[in-house]
Protein backbone atom coordinates (compact mmCIF):
# COMPACT_ATOMS: atom_id res chain seq x y z
CA MET A 1 3.99 -5.16 13.86
CA GLU A 2 0.80 -7.01 13.04
CA HIS A 3 -2.48 -5.13 12.64
CA LEU A 4 -5.89 -6.14 13.91
CA SER A 5 -8.52 -7.16 11.38
CA ILE A 6 -12.27 -7.58 11.30
CA ASP A 7 -13.98 -10.35 9.35
CA PRO A 8 -17.54 -9.02 8.91
CA ARG A 9 -18.83 -12.46 7.87
CA THR A 10 -17.79 -14.19 11.11
CA VAL A 11 -17.67 -11.38 13.66
CA ASP A 12 -19.77 -11.70 16.79
CA LEU A 13 -22.16 -8.75 16.40
CA ASP A 14 -23.09 -8.76 20.09
CA ALA A 15 -19.40 -8.54 21.03
CA MET A 16 -18.92 -5.66 18.59
CA ILE A 17 -21.90 -3.85 20.08
CA ASP A 18 -20.46 -4.42 23.57
CA ARG A 19 -17.20 -2.83 22.36
CA GLY A 20 -19.24 0.07 21.00
CA ILE A 21 -21.02 0.51 24.31
CA GLN A 22 -17.63 0.56 26.09
CA LEU A 23 -16.51 3.36 23.76
CA HIS A 24 -19.78 5.29 23.64
CA GLY A 25 -21.14 4.80 27.16
CA HIS A 26 -24.56 3.33 26.34
CA GLU A 27 -26.43 1.45 23.63
CA ARG A 28 -28.38 3.58 21.20
CA PRO A 29 -29.75 2.83 17.72
CA PHE A 30 -27.41 5.15 15.83
CA LEU A 31 -24.40 3.54 17.54
CA VAL A 32 -25.58 0.05 16.53
CA ALA A 33 -26.44 1.23 13.00
CA GLY A 34 -22.96 2.75 12.65
CA ILE A 35 -21.35 -0.53 13.68
CA ARG A 36 -23.43 -2.41 11.12
CA MET A 37 -22.66 0.19 8.43
CA GLY A 38 -18.95 -0.29 9.05
CA LEU A 39 -19.27 -4.07 8.90
CA LEU A 40 -21.33 -3.85 5.70
CA ALA A 41 -18.68 -1.67 4.08
CA LEU A 42 -15.88 -4.07 5.08
CA ASP A 43 -17.87 -6.95 3.62
CA LEU A 44 -18.66 -5.23 0.33
CA LEU A 45 -15.14 -3.81 -0.06
CA GLN A 46 -13.55 -7.08 1.12
CA SER A 47 -11.45 -5.06 3.55
CA PRO A 48 -9.99 -6.27 6.86
CA GLY A 49 -10.66 -2.84 8.36
CA TYR A 50 -8.50 -0.55 10.49
CA PHE A 51 -6.00 0.32 7.73
CA GLY A 52 -6.33 0.56 3.95
CA ILE A 53 -9.82 2.00 4.26
CA GLU A 54 -11.11 5.51 4.89
CA ALA A 55 -14.52 6.73 5.98
CA GLU A 56 -16.22 10.10 5.81
CA SER A 57 -19.29 10.34 8.03
CA ASP A 58 -21.95 12.95 7.39
CA ALA A 59 -23.38 12.45 10.89
CA GLY A 60 -22.09 15.77 12.20
CA SER A 61 -21.79 16.61 15.89
CA THR A 62 -25.45 16.89 16.94
CA LEU A 63 -27.01 14.16 19.06
CA PRO A 64 -28.39 11.61 18.49
CA LEU A 65 -27.22 11.33 14.87
CA SER A 66 -23.59 11.98 15.81
CA CYS A 67 -23.57 8.63 17.66
CA LEU A 68 -23.39 7.02 14.21
CA SER A 69 -19.72 8.01 13.91
CA ASP A 70 -18.79 6.15 17.12
CA GLY A 71 -20.38 3.06 15.60
CA ILE A 72 -18.44 3.56 12.36
CA GLN A 73 -15.21 3.50 14.38
CA VAL A 74 -16.09 0.17 15.97
CA GLY A 75 -17.49 -1.49 12.85
CA SER A 76 -14.80 -0.42 10.39
CA GLY A 77 -11.74 0.23 12.50
CA CYS A 78 -11.47 3.72 10.99
CA THR A 79 -10.75 6.34 13.66
CA VAL A 80 -10.40 10.08 13.89
CA GLY A 81 -7.09 9.58 15.69
CA LYS A 82 -5.57 7.56 12.82
CA GLY A 83 -6.93 10.10 10.36
CA ASN A 84 -8.93 7.60 8.34
CA LEU A 85 -12.29 8.76 9.70
CA ARG A 86 -13.50 12.27 9.01
CA VAL A 87 -16.81 13.69 10.20
CA THR A 88 -18.55 16.40 8.18
CA THR A 89 -21.21 18.83 9.37
CA VAL A 90 -23.80 17.74 6.78
CA CYS A 91 -25.99 16.04 9.45
CA ARG A 92 -27.38 13.12 7.50
CA PRO A 93 -27.07 9.39 8.24
CA ALA A 94 -24.61 8.52 5.48
CA VAL A 95 -20.99 7.42 5.28
CA ARG A 96 -18.66 7.25 2.30
CA PHE A 97 -15.93 4.62 2.31
CA VAL A 98 -12.92 4.29 0.04
CA ASP A 99 -10.51 1.37 0.08
CA ALA A 100 -6.83 1.14 -0.84
CA ARG A 101 -7.77 0.19 -4.42
CA GLY A 102 -9.81 3.38 -4.80
CA ARG A 103 -13.23 1.71 -4.76
CA ARG A 104 -15.84 4.04 -3.31
CA LEU A 105 -19.02 3.04 -1.52
CA THR A 106 -21.72 5.12 0.14
CA VAL A 107 -23.89 3.55 2.83
CA GLU A 108 -26.94 5.45 4.10
CA LEU A 109 -29.61 4.70 6.69
CA ARG A 110 -32.96 4.30 4.93
CA PRO A 111 -35.13 7.43 5.46
CA ASP A 112 -37.99 5.47 7.06
CA ILE A 113 -35.56 3.81 9.51
CA PHE A 114 -34.03 7.21 10.31
CA ASP A 115 -37.52 8.47 11.19
CA VAL A 116 -38.20 5.43 13.38
CA PHE A 117 -34.89 5.92 15.23
CA LEU A 118 -35.82 9.54 15.96
CA ARG A 119 -39.43 8.79 16.93
CA ASP A 120 -39.54 5.48 18.81
CA ASN A 121 -38.07 4.43 22.16
CA ALA A 122 -34.43 3.38 22.42
CA GLU A 123 -35.06 -0.23 23.42
CA LYS A 124 -37.30 -0.88 20.41
CA THR A 125 -35.01 0.91 17.96
CA CYS A 126 -31.86 -0.77 19.31
CA THR A 127 -33.50 -4.15 18.69
CA LEU A 128 -34.39 -3.06 15.16
CA ALA A 129 -30.82 -1.85 14.55
CA ARG A 130 -29.39 -5.15 15.88
CA GLU A 131 -31.73 -7.60 14.18
CA ALA A 132 -33.06 -6.20 10.92
CA PRO A 133 -31.45 -7.39 7.69
CA VAL A 134 -28.98 -4.87 6.28
CA SER A 135 -31.20 -4.45 3.23
CA ARG A 136 -33.99 -3.22 5.53
CA LEU A 137 -31.72 -0.75 7.36
CA PHE A 138 -29.47 0.64 4.65
CA LEU A 139 -29.16 1.79 1.08
CA TRP A 140 -25.75 1.51 -0.54
CA GLU A 141 -24.28 2.61 -3.80
CA TRP A 142 -20.94 2.24 -5.52
CA ALA A 143 -19.49 5.49 -6.79
CA LYS A 144 -19.02 5.71 -10.51
CA THR A 145 -15.41 5.81 -11.63
CA PRO A 146 -14.49 9.04 -13.40
C-alpha cells in the first residue's frame, strides 16, 4: 500500500490551511502556525511526512495554544492516532521533530509572535501566520548529537 507524502516546497499552503480548517473547525493563528511549523520541519529534514517522522508538541491542552498541535498534524502528517505525534503539558509554542535517521530538530514560535497571537485579533494574526516568512515566525535549532 502506498503512503501519502507532502512536498513542503511545492505544497499549496492555502489548500493545506483549508484542510486544517476542516479538521479544526475554524481558522486561527496557532492552527496556521502549526501547519507551517510542520512544513518547515519536513523541508529541513527532507521528509515526505506522515511516516518516518515523529513530533512532540509542547502546546498542551489549553486554548488557544493547543490549536498548534492540530496544525502540526496537517503540516507534518504526524498524528496522535498513528502514535507519531505526542502532546506534552509544557504549554509553550514549540515542537520537536525526529526523522527516521535520528536527526532532531526543534521549531519554536518566536516570543514576540507568540505575544502578538495572544494579543491581536484573529483576522490580523491569521494573515501574519499565513504570509510572514518562516524566519520571522519561527526559531529552529538542530539537536546536538550525543
